[in-house]
N, C-alpha and C. Protein backbone atom coordinates (compact mmCIF):
# COMPACT_ATOMS: atom_id res chain seq x y z
N MET A 1 80.80 75.94 120.77
CA MET A 1 81.39 77.27 120.69
C MET A 1 80.45 78.21 119.97
N THR A 2 80.57 79.48 120.25
CA THR A 2 79.74 80.48 119.59
C THR A 2 80.59 81.31 118.66
N GLU A 3 79.94 82.14 117.84
CA GLU A 3 80.67 83.01 116.92
C GLU A 3 81.58 83.95 117.69
N ALA A 4 81.19 84.29 118.92
CA ALA A 4 82.02 85.18 119.75
C ALA A 4 83.36 84.53 120.10
N ASP A 5 83.44 83.20 119.96
CA ASP A 5 84.69 82.52 120.26
C ASP A 5 85.73 82.69 119.16
N SER A 6 85.33 83.17 117.99
CA SER A 6 86.27 83.42 116.91
C SER A 6 87.24 84.50 117.32
N THR A 7 88.49 84.32 117.03
CA THR A 7 89.48 85.33 117.36
C THR A 7 90.03 85.91 116.07
N GLU A 8 89.98 87.24 115.96
CA GLU A 8 90.47 87.91 114.76
C GLU A 8 91.42 89.01 115.17
N SER A 9 92.35 89.31 114.29
CA SER A 9 93.16 90.51 114.48
C SER A 9 93.35 91.15 113.12
N THR A 10 93.30 92.46 113.10
CA THR A 10 93.48 93.22 111.87
C THR A 10 94.72 94.06 112.04
N GLU A 11 95.59 94.06 111.06
CA GLU A 11 96.81 94.84 111.16
C GLU A 11 96.88 95.88 110.05
N ASN A 12 97.07 97.14 110.45
CA ASN A 12 97.25 98.27 109.56
C ASN A 12 98.52 98.99 109.99
N THR A 13 99.56 99.01 109.20
CA THR A 13 100.79 99.68 109.57
C THR A 13 101.15 100.74 108.56
N ASP A 14 101.37 101.94 109.02
CA ASP A 14 101.82 103.02 108.15
C ASP A 14 103.33 102.95 108.13
N SER A 15 103.91 102.55 107.01
CA SER A 15 105.35 102.34 106.95
C SER A 15 106.14 103.64 107.06
N THR A 16 105.47 104.78 107.01
CA THR A 16 106.17 106.04 107.16
C THR A 16 106.28 106.46 108.62
N GLU A 17 105.64 105.70 109.53
CA GLU A 17 105.71 105.99 110.96
C GLU A 17 106.48 104.89 111.65
N SER A 18 106.86 105.14 112.90
CA SER A 18 107.56 104.11 113.67
C SER A 18 106.57 103.03 114.08
N ALA A 19 107.08 101.85 114.38
CA ALA A 19 106.22 100.75 114.79
C ALA A 19 105.46 101.08 116.07
N ASP A 20 106.02 101.94 116.93
CA ASP A 20 105.36 102.31 118.18
C ASP A 20 104.11 103.13 117.95
N SER A 21 103.93 103.72 116.78
CA SER A 21 102.78 104.60 116.57
C SER A 21 101.58 103.88 115.98
N ALA A 22 101.66 102.56 115.74
CA ALA A 22 100.52 101.81 115.22
C ALA A 22 99.40 101.83 116.25
N ASP A 23 98.18 102.06 115.78
CA ASP A 23 97.03 102.15 116.66
C ASP A 23 96.47 100.77 116.93
N SER A 24 95.91 100.58 118.14
CA SER A 24 95.24 99.35 118.50
C SER A 24 93.77 99.67 118.70
N ALA A 25 92.88 98.89 118.14
CA ALA A 25 91.46 99.08 118.34
C ALA A 25 91.04 98.23 119.53
N GLU A 26 90.68 98.87 120.63
CA GLU A 26 90.32 98.16 121.85
C GLU A 26 88.84 97.83 121.91
N SER A 27 88.02 98.39 121.01
CA SER A 27 86.59 98.17 121.08
C SER A 27 86.19 96.78 120.58
N THR A 28 87.06 96.07 119.92
CA THR A 28 86.78 94.72 119.43
C THR A 28 87.96 93.84 119.79
N PRO A 29 87.80 92.53 119.65
CA PRO A 29 88.93 91.66 119.92
C PRO A 29 89.99 91.73 118.82
N SER A 30 89.80 92.62 117.86
CA SER A 30 90.73 92.74 116.75
C SER A 30 91.77 93.83 117.02
N GLN A 31 92.97 93.60 116.53
CA GLN A 31 94.02 94.60 116.58
C GLN A 31 94.17 95.14 115.17
N VAL A 32 94.09 96.45 114.99
CA VAL A 32 94.09 97.05 113.66
C VAL A 32 95.43 97.67 113.36
N GLN A 33 95.97 97.34 112.19
CA GLN A 33 97.23 97.90 111.73
C GLN A 33 97.17 98.01 110.21
N SER A 34 97.50 99.16 109.63
CA SER A 34 97.43 99.37 108.18
C SER A 34 98.77 99.84 107.67
N ALA A 35 99.06 99.55 106.42
CA ALA A 35 100.36 99.96 105.88
C ALA A 35 100.19 100.63 104.54
N HIS A 36 100.99 101.64 104.29
CA HIS A 36 101.14 102.13 102.93
C HIS A 36 102.59 102.49 102.72
N ALA A 37 103.06 102.12 101.57
CA ALA A 37 104.46 102.37 101.23
C ALA A 37 104.51 103.12 99.92
N SER A 38 105.47 103.95 99.78
CA SER A 38 105.60 104.72 98.55
C SER A 38 106.10 103.86 97.42
N GLN A 39 105.43 103.93 96.30
CA GLN A 39 105.90 103.32 95.07
C GLN A 39 105.87 104.43 94.04
N GLY A 40 106.99 105.06 93.83
CA GLY A 40 107.02 106.22 92.94
C GLY A 40 106.25 107.34 93.60
N ALA A 41 105.29 107.92 92.89
CA ALA A 41 104.50 109.03 93.41
C ALA A 41 103.23 108.56 94.10
N GLN A 42 102.94 107.26 94.07
CA GLN A 42 101.68 106.75 94.60
C GLN A 42 101.93 105.87 95.82
N ALA A 43 101.13 106.04 96.87
CA ALA A 43 101.24 105.22 98.07
C ALA A 43 100.44 103.94 97.87
N VAL A 44 100.95 102.82 98.40
CA VAL A 44 100.24 101.55 98.35
C VAL A 44 99.59 101.35 99.71
N GLN A 45 98.29 101.18 99.72
CA GLN A 45 97.51 101.02 100.94
C GLN A 45 97.22 99.54 101.13
N THR A 46 97.59 98.98 102.29
CA THR A 46 97.35 97.57 102.58
C THR A 46 96.90 97.37 104.02
N ALA A 47 96.28 96.24 104.28
CA ALA A 47 95.94 95.82 105.64
C ALA A 47 95.76 94.31 105.63
N GLN A 48 95.83 93.71 106.81
CA GLN A 48 95.58 92.28 106.91
C GLN A 48 94.80 91.98 108.19
N VAL A 49 94.04 90.88 108.13
CA VAL A 49 93.21 90.44 109.24
C VAL A 49 93.45 88.95 109.42
N THR A 50 93.61 88.52 110.67
CA THR A 50 93.86 87.11 110.96
C THR A 50 92.68 86.51 111.73
N LEU A 51 92.29 85.31 111.35
CA LEU A 51 91.20 84.59 111.99
C LEU A 51 91.70 83.24 112.50
N HIS A 52 91.37 82.94 113.75
CA HIS A 52 91.62 81.61 114.31
C HIS A 52 90.29 80.87 114.20
N VAL A 53 90.22 79.90 113.33
CA VAL A 53 88.96 79.25 112.96
C VAL A 53 88.38 78.45 114.13
N THR A 54 87.09 78.70 114.40
CA THR A 54 86.35 77.97 115.43
C THR A 54 85.18 77.25 114.78
N GLU A 55 84.46 76.46 115.56
CA GLU A 55 83.27 75.77 115.06
C GLU A 55 82.28 76.75 114.43
N ALA A 56 82.17 77.96 114.99
CA ALA A 56 81.21 78.96 114.51
C ALA A 56 81.55 79.45 113.10
N ASP A 57 82.78 79.24 112.66
CA ASP A 57 83.23 79.70 111.34
C ASP A 57 83.05 78.65 110.25
N THR A 58 82.58 77.48 110.61
CA THR A 58 82.54 76.38 109.65
C THR A 58 81.34 76.46 108.71
N ALA A 59 81.48 75.79 107.59
CA ALA A 59 80.39 75.70 106.61
C ALA A 59 79.16 75.07 107.26
N GLN A 60 79.36 74.06 108.12
CA GLN A 60 78.25 73.44 108.84
C GLN A 60 77.50 74.47 109.68
N ALA A 61 78.24 75.26 110.44
CA ALA A 61 77.62 76.20 111.37
C ALA A 61 76.88 77.33 110.67
N ILE A 62 77.42 77.81 109.55
CA ILE A 62 76.79 78.95 108.89
C ILE A 62 75.85 78.54 107.77
N GLY A 63 75.75 77.24 107.51
CA GLY A 63 74.78 76.74 106.56
C GLY A 63 75.20 76.80 105.10
N SER A 64 76.49 76.94 104.85
CA SER A 64 76.94 77.01 103.45
C SER A 64 77.49 75.68 102.95
N GLY A 65 77.40 74.65 103.78
CA GLY A 65 77.90 73.34 103.39
C GLY A 65 77.74 72.36 104.53
N ASP A 66 78.22 71.14 104.33
CA ASP A 66 78.05 70.06 105.31
C ASP A 66 79.30 69.74 106.11
N LEU A 67 80.42 70.32 105.74
CA LEU A 67 81.69 69.92 106.36
C LEU A 67 82.14 70.89 107.45
N PRO A 68 82.86 70.37 108.44
CA PRO A 68 83.36 71.21 109.54
C PRO A 68 84.69 71.88 109.20
N VAL A 69 84.67 72.68 108.12
CA VAL A 69 85.84 73.44 107.68
C VAL A 69 85.42 74.90 107.52
N LEU A 70 86.39 75.79 107.43
CA LEU A 70 86.10 77.21 107.25
C LEU A 70 85.15 77.40 106.07
N GLY A 71 84.02 78.05 106.34
CA GLY A 71 83.02 78.29 105.30
C GLY A 71 83.44 79.42 104.38
N THR A 72 83.10 79.28 103.11
CA THR A 72 83.44 80.31 102.13
C THR A 72 82.87 81.67 102.49
N PRO A 73 81.61 81.77 102.94
CA PRO A 73 81.10 83.10 103.32
C PRO A 73 81.92 83.75 104.45
N ARG A 74 82.42 82.93 105.38
CA ARG A 74 83.23 83.47 106.48
C ARG A 74 84.58 83.93 105.97
N LEU A 75 85.16 83.20 105.01
CA LEU A 75 86.43 83.60 104.43
C LEU A 75 86.27 84.90 103.64
N ILE A 76 85.18 85.03 102.91
CA ILE A 76 84.92 86.26 102.16
C ILE A 76 84.73 87.43 103.14
N ALA A 77 84.01 87.19 104.24
CA ALA A 77 83.83 88.25 105.25
C ALA A 77 85.18 88.69 105.81
N LEU A 78 86.09 87.75 106.02
CA LEU A 78 87.43 88.08 106.50
C LEU A 78 88.16 88.96 105.49
N ALA A 79 88.06 88.61 104.21
CA ALA A 79 88.69 89.41 103.16
C ALA A 79 88.07 90.81 103.11
N GLU A 80 86.75 90.90 103.30
CA GLU A 80 86.09 92.21 103.33
C GLU A 80 86.58 93.04 104.51
N GLN A 81 86.79 92.39 105.66
CA GLN A 81 87.32 93.11 106.82
C GLN A 81 88.67 93.73 106.49
N ALA A 82 89.49 93.01 105.75
CA ALA A 82 90.80 93.55 105.36
C ALA A 82 90.64 94.76 104.44
N THR A 83 89.64 94.74 103.55
CA THR A 83 89.43 95.89 102.67
C THR A 83 88.93 97.10 103.45
N VAL A 84 88.07 96.86 104.44
CA VAL A 84 87.56 97.95 105.27
C VAL A 84 88.72 98.59 106.03
N ALA A 85 89.60 97.78 106.58
CA ALA A 85 90.77 98.30 107.30
C ALA A 85 91.70 99.06 106.36
N THR A 86 91.85 98.57 105.14
CA THR A 86 92.71 99.24 104.16
C THR A 86 92.13 100.60 103.77
N ALA A 87 90.82 100.67 103.64
CA ALA A 87 90.16 101.92 103.22
C ALA A 87 90.08 102.95 104.34
N ALA A 88 90.09 102.54 105.58
CA ALA A 88 89.85 103.45 106.71
C ALA A 88 90.70 104.72 106.68
N PRO A 89 92.00 104.66 106.41
CA PRO A 89 92.79 105.90 106.40
C PRO A 89 92.44 106.86 105.26
N LEU A 90 91.68 106.39 104.29
CA LEU A 90 91.32 107.22 103.14
C LEU A 90 90.03 108.01 103.36
N LEU A 91 89.34 107.74 104.46
CA LEU A 91 88.01 108.29 104.68
C LEU A 91 88.03 109.57 105.51
N ALA A 92 87.15 110.49 105.14
CA ALA A 92 86.94 111.72 105.91
C ALA A 92 85.89 111.44 106.98
N GLU A 93 85.76 112.37 107.90
CA GLU A 93 84.74 112.28 108.96
C GLU A 93 83.37 112.06 108.33
N GLY A 94 82.62 111.09 108.84
CA GLY A 94 81.27 110.82 108.35
C GLY A 94 81.20 109.90 107.15
N GLN A 95 82.36 109.49 106.63
CA GLN A 95 82.37 108.59 105.48
C GLN A 95 82.59 107.14 105.92
N THR A 96 82.12 106.24 105.10
CA THR A 96 82.38 104.81 105.26
C THR A 96 82.44 104.22 103.86
N THR A 97 82.66 102.91 103.78
CA THR A 97 82.62 102.25 102.48
C THR A 97 81.56 101.16 102.52
N VAL A 98 80.99 100.89 101.35
CA VAL A 98 80.04 99.78 101.21
C VAL A 98 80.55 98.89 100.08
N GLY A 99 80.36 97.59 100.28
CA GLY A 99 80.78 96.64 99.27
C GLY A 99 79.80 96.62 98.11
N THR A 100 80.33 96.54 96.88
CA THR A 100 79.47 96.52 95.71
C THR A 100 79.73 95.32 94.79
N ARG A 101 80.90 94.71 94.91
CA ARG A 101 81.21 93.58 94.04
C ARG A 101 82.29 92.71 94.67
N ILE A 102 82.12 91.39 94.51
CA ILE A 102 83.11 90.44 95.01
C ILE A 102 83.34 89.37 93.94
N ARG A 103 84.61 89.11 93.65
CA ARG A 103 85.01 87.96 92.85
C ARG A 103 86.05 87.25 93.71
N PHE A 104 85.74 86.01 94.11
CA PHE A 104 86.60 85.34 95.07
C PHE A 104 86.62 83.84 94.81
N ASP A 105 87.81 83.26 94.86
CA ASP A 105 87.99 81.82 94.72
C ASP A 105 88.51 81.26 96.04
N HIS A 106 87.77 80.30 96.61
CA HIS A 106 88.18 79.60 97.83
C HIS A 106 88.83 78.30 97.36
N VAL A 107 90.16 78.18 97.54
CA VAL A 107 90.89 77.10 96.88
C VAL A 107 91.50 76.04 97.80
N TYR A 108 91.45 76.27 99.13
CA TYR A 108 92.07 75.30 100.03
C TYR A 108 91.31 75.29 101.35
N PRO A 109 91.03 74.10 101.92
CA PRO A 109 90.25 74.03 103.16
C PRO A 109 91.09 74.39 104.40
N THR A 110 90.39 74.89 105.42
CA THR A 110 91.04 75.17 106.70
C THR A 110 90.20 74.54 107.80
N ALA A 111 90.81 73.72 108.63
CA ALA A 111 90.12 73.01 109.71
C ALA A 111 89.93 73.92 110.92
N VAL A 112 89.00 73.53 111.78
CA VAL A 112 88.83 74.21 113.06
C VAL A 112 90.16 74.15 113.80
N GLY A 113 90.56 75.28 114.37
CA GLY A 113 91.84 75.38 115.05
C GLY A 113 92.92 75.98 114.16
N GLY A 114 92.67 76.04 112.86
CA GLY A 114 93.63 76.64 111.93
C GLY A 114 93.58 78.15 111.97
N THR A 115 94.56 78.76 111.37
CA THR A 115 94.65 80.22 111.30
C THR A 115 94.72 80.64 109.84
N VAL A 116 93.96 81.69 109.52
CA VAL A 116 93.95 82.23 108.17
C VAL A 116 94.17 83.74 108.26
N THR A 117 95.04 84.27 107.43
CA THR A 117 95.28 85.71 107.37
C THR A 117 94.89 86.20 105.98
N ALA A 118 93.97 87.16 105.96
CA ALA A 118 93.53 87.78 104.71
C ALA A 118 94.21 89.13 104.59
N ALA A 119 94.79 89.41 103.44
CA ALA A 119 95.45 90.68 103.17
C ALA A 119 94.75 91.36 102.00
N ALA A 120 94.61 92.67 102.11
CA ALA A 120 94.00 93.46 101.03
C ALA A 120 94.96 94.56 100.63
N GLU A 121 94.99 94.83 99.33
CA GLU A 121 95.79 95.93 98.80
C GLU A 121 94.91 96.75 97.88
N LEU A 122 94.95 98.06 98.05
CA LEU A 122 94.21 98.95 97.16
C LEU A 122 94.88 98.89 95.79
N ALA A 123 94.17 98.34 94.81
CA ALA A 123 94.74 98.17 93.47
C ALA A 123 94.36 99.31 92.54
N HIS A 124 93.20 99.93 92.80
CA HIS A 124 92.72 100.99 91.90
C HIS A 124 91.77 101.89 92.66
N ARG A 125 91.91 103.20 92.41
CA ARG A 125 90.97 104.17 92.98
C ARG A 125 90.54 105.11 91.87
N ASP A 126 89.23 105.31 91.77
CA ASP A 126 88.65 106.26 90.84
C ASP A 126 87.62 107.06 91.63
N ASP A 127 88.04 108.19 92.18
CA ASP A 127 87.21 109.03 93.03
C ASP A 127 86.70 108.22 94.22
N ARG A 128 85.41 107.88 94.26
CA ARG A 128 84.83 107.15 95.39
C ARG A 128 84.94 105.64 95.25
N LEU A 129 85.28 105.14 94.07
CA LEU A 129 85.37 103.71 93.83
C LEU A 129 86.75 103.19 94.23
N LEU A 130 86.76 102.14 95.04
CA LEU A 130 87.99 101.51 95.51
C LEU A 130 87.97 100.04 95.12
N ARG A 131 88.99 99.58 94.41
CA ARG A 131 89.09 98.17 94.04
C ARG A 131 90.31 97.58 94.73
N PHE A 132 90.10 96.47 95.41
CA PHE A 132 91.15 95.81 96.20
C PHE A 132 91.44 94.42 95.65
N THR A 133 92.71 94.04 95.67
CA THR A 133 93.07 92.64 95.48
C THR A 133 93.19 92.05 96.88
N VAL A 134 92.69 90.84 97.04
CA VAL A 134 92.71 90.19 98.34
C VAL A 134 93.26 88.78 98.19
N ALA A 135 93.97 88.33 99.22
CA ALA A 135 94.49 86.97 99.25
C ALA A 135 94.51 86.51 100.70
N ALA A 136 94.16 85.25 100.91
CA ALA A 136 94.17 84.67 102.25
C ALA A 136 95.10 83.47 102.25
N HIS A 137 95.92 83.38 103.29
CA HIS A 137 96.88 82.28 103.44
C HIS A 137 96.72 81.65 104.81
N ASP A 138 96.99 80.36 104.91
CA ASP A 138 96.96 79.70 106.21
C ASP A 138 98.33 79.84 106.88
N ALA A 139 98.44 79.30 108.08
CA ALA A 139 99.68 79.43 108.86
C ALA A 139 100.87 78.78 108.17
N ALA A 140 100.63 77.80 107.30
CA ALA A 140 101.71 77.15 106.56
C ALA A 140 102.09 77.90 105.29
N GLY A 141 101.38 79.02 105.02
CA GLY A 141 101.67 79.82 103.85
C GLY A 141 100.91 79.41 102.60
N ARG A 142 100.04 78.40 102.71
CA ARG A 142 99.26 77.95 101.55
C ARG A 142 98.18 78.98 101.22
N LEU A 143 97.96 79.19 99.94
CA LEU A 143 96.89 80.07 99.49
C LEU A 143 95.55 79.40 99.79
N VAL A 144 94.69 80.09 100.54
CA VAL A 144 93.37 79.57 100.90
C VAL A 144 92.32 80.17 99.98
N GLY A 145 92.49 81.44 99.62
CA GLY A 145 91.54 82.09 98.73
C GLY A 145 92.12 83.38 98.20
N GLU A 146 91.57 83.84 97.07
CA GLU A 146 92.03 85.09 96.50
C GLU A 146 90.95 85.67 95.61
N GLY A 147 91.04 86.98 95.38
CA GLY A 147 90.07 87.60 94.50
C GLY A 147 90.19 89.09 94.47
N GLU A 148 89.05 89.71 94.17
CA GLU A 148 88.99 91.16 94.04
C GLU A 148 87.68 91.63 94.68
N ILE A 149 87.75 92.69 95.46
CA ILE A 149 86.57 93.27 96.12
C ILE A 149 86.52 94.74 95.78
N THR A 150 85.32 95.20 95.39
CA THR A 150 85.11 96.61 95.09
C THR A 150 84.22 97.22 96.16
N ARG A 151 84.63 98.39 96.64
CA ARG A 151 83.86 99.14 97.63
C ARG A 151 83.72 100.57 97.12
N VAL A 152 82.70 101.26 97.61
CA VAL A 152 82.46 102.64 97.24
C VAL A 152 82.39 103.48 98.51
N ILE A 153 83.04 104.64 98.49
CA ILE A 153 82.99 105.57 99.62
C ILE A 153 81.65 106.30 99.59
N VAL A 154 80.97 106.29 100.75
CA VAL A 154 79.69 106.98 100.87
C VAL A 154 79.66 107.80 102.15
N ASN A 155 78.74 108.77 102.19
CA ASN A 155 78.45 109.48 103.42
C ASN A 155 77.51 108.58 104.23
N ALA A 156 77.91 108.19 105.42
CA ALA A 156 77.16 107.22 106.21
C ALA A 156 75.73 107.69 106.51
N ASP A 157 75.57 108.94 106.90
CA ASP A 157 74.23 109.45 107.23
C ASP A 157 73.32 109.46 106.01
N ARG A 158 73.83 109.94 104.89
CA ARG A 158 73.00 109.97 103.66
C ARG A 158 72.65 108.56 103.20
N PHE A 159 73.59 107.65 103.33
CA PHE A 159 73.33 106.27 102.94
C PHE A 159 72.22 105.67 103.80
N MET A 160 72.32 105.84 105.10
CA MET A 160 71.31 105.28 106.01
C MET A 160 69.96 105.97 105.85
N ALA A 161 69.93 107.22 105.44
CA ALA A 161 68.68 107.96 105.24
C ALA A 161 67.86 107.37 104.09
N LYS A 162 68.51 106.62 103.21
CA LYS A 162 67.80 106.01 102.07
C LYS A 162 66.93 104.83 102.50
N LEU A 163 67.15 104.29 103.69
CA LEU A 163 66.42 103.10 104.13
C LEU A 163 65.02 103.44 104.59
């Protein structure tokens, strides 16, 4: 199997809209849905991404270990995808986010054929700095990994001009 065989879906739902108004991203095999709910005066921004683990996602395949289980770098990438989806509604035209810090614990193995869903919640925002709590669970509800990811909002063109 190749990495293209991995199946992912991202869900972002805006709880203030009807379920029929959730957007689907057709450009990738992922379905995007984001949610924010009011908690007092502040909205909670969340998103989740689901991965169906294939051989291409294993520690063996990506070189992070010897076993045919979901590799930690792939799990972290899934959690980052959830943060990107969570941040998307906060961005203006021409903006994107870049990752700057990750603290993550991978605590339970997932075999090929298993499903893992990573969820991100915006825990803190300070101007351009966004800090997310992330957690990944398998289909049985077991915690697979959890942590915190920090991203910064940047102007995409200016960022790329630095290279």
